[in-house]
Amino acid sequence: MPDGHIRGMSHLPFAEDAVDQSVTELVETLTEPPAGEGYDVWREAFDKGEAGVFTVPLGQLVALTEQSMSKPA
């Protein structure tokens, strides 16, 4: 991003255990996954065994993403 900060990330599929490790307070429970092309594409690939999920807690993924994106190309 021009200011050096990512403001959001699109679809990030997490394993249930990784979500459990990330949550400090349950605020809301969704009965349906959010609609969107990213989810639909991932779900189709996942159902075919061609896509996976993140297995690390969200905070760890954010830290790894920040670290990898701050390295010079």
Protein backbone atom coordinates (compact mmCIF):
# COMPACT_ATOMS: atom_id res chain seq x y z
CA MET A 1 0.00 0.00 0.00
CA PRO A 2 1.22 3.53 -0.64
CA ASP A 3 1.35 4.35 3.09
CA GLY A 4 2.99 1.01 3.91
CA HIS A 5 -0.02 -0.48 5.68
CA ILE A 6 -2.42 -3.18 4.59
CA ARG A 7 -5.95 -2.22 5.57
CA GLY A 8 -7.57 -5.58 4.95
CA MET A 9 -7.19 -9.07 3.58
CA SER A 10 -9.63 -11.02 1.51
CA HIS A 11 -10.77 -14.54 2.28
CA LEU A 12 -8.51 -16.34 4.79
CA PRO A 13 -9.65 -19.91 5.55
CA PHE A 14 -8.58 -21.13 9.01
CA ALA A 15 -8.76 -24.53 10.65
CA GLU A 16 -11.14 -24.66 13.62
CA ASP A 17 -8.26 -25.24 16.06
CA ALA A 18 -6.45 -22.14 14.76
CA VAL A 19 -9.61 -20.08 15.25
CA ASP A 20 -10.01 -21.44 18.78
CA GLN A 21 -6.44 -20.33 19.56
CA SER A 22 -7.15 -16.86 18.13
CA VAL A 23 -10.43 -15.99 19.84
CA THR A 24 -10.41 -14.19 23.15
CA GLU A 25 -14.12 -13.31 23.17
CA LEU A 26 -16.91 -14.61 20.96
CA VAL A 27 -18.82 -11.63 19.57
CA GLU A 28 -20.96 -13.22 16.88
CA THR A 29 -21.67 -16.58 15.27
CA LEU A 30 -22.43 -16.77 11.56
CA THR A 31 -24.70 -19.53 10.35
CA GLU A 32 -23.61 -19.13 6.72
CA PRO A 33 -20.19 -18.26 5.35
CA PRO A 34 -19.92 -14.75 3.91
CA ALA A 35 -20.94 -14.64 0.25
CA GLY A 36 -18.27 -13.79 -2.22
CA GLU A 37 -16.34 -15.03 -5.19
CA GLY A 38 -13.17 -15.67 -3.17
CA TYR A 39 -14.93 -18.04 -0.80
CA ASP A 40 -16.74 -19.85 -3.59
CA VAL A 41 -13.53 -20.44 -5.57
CA TRP A 42 -11.71 -21.65 -2.44
CA ARG A 43 -14.59 -23.92 -1.37
CA GLU A 44 -14.76 -25.61 -4.76
CA ALA A 45 -10.99 -26.24 -4.71
CA PHE A 46 -11.15 -27.38 -1.06
CA ASP A 47 -13.91 -29.87 -1.82
CA LYS A 48 -11.69 -31.32 -4.58
CA GLY A 49 -8.74 -31.59 -2.17
CA GLU A 50 -6.88 -28.84 -4.03
CA ALA A 51 -6.89 -26.12 -1.36
CA GLY A 52 -6.27 -25.99 2.37
CA VAL A 53 -6.63 -23.84 5.45
CA PHE A 54 -4.28 -21.89 7.68
CA THR A 55 -3.41 -23.82 10.83
CA VAL A 56 -1.65 -21.07 12.79
CA PRO A 57 -3.46 -18.55 15.01
CA LEU A 58 -4.55 -15.34 13.28
CA GLY A 59 -2.00 -13.18 15.14
CA GLN A 60 0.83 -15.39 13.95
CA LEU A 61 -0.40 -15.24 10.34
CA VAL A 62 -0.64 -11.44 10.49
CA ALA A 63 2.90 -11.21 11.89
CA LEU A 64 4.27 -13.54 9.20
CA THR A 65 2.46 -11.57 6.49
CA GLU A 66 3.77 -8.26 7.77
CA GLN A 67 7.27 -9.69 7.97
CA SER A 68 7.24 -11.08 4.45
CA MET A 69 5.74 -7.92 2.93
CA SER A 70 8.25 -5.60 4.61
CA LYS A 71 11.23 -7.30 2.96
CA PRO A 72 12.67 -5.52 -0.07
CA ALA A 73 11.87 -7.22 -3.37
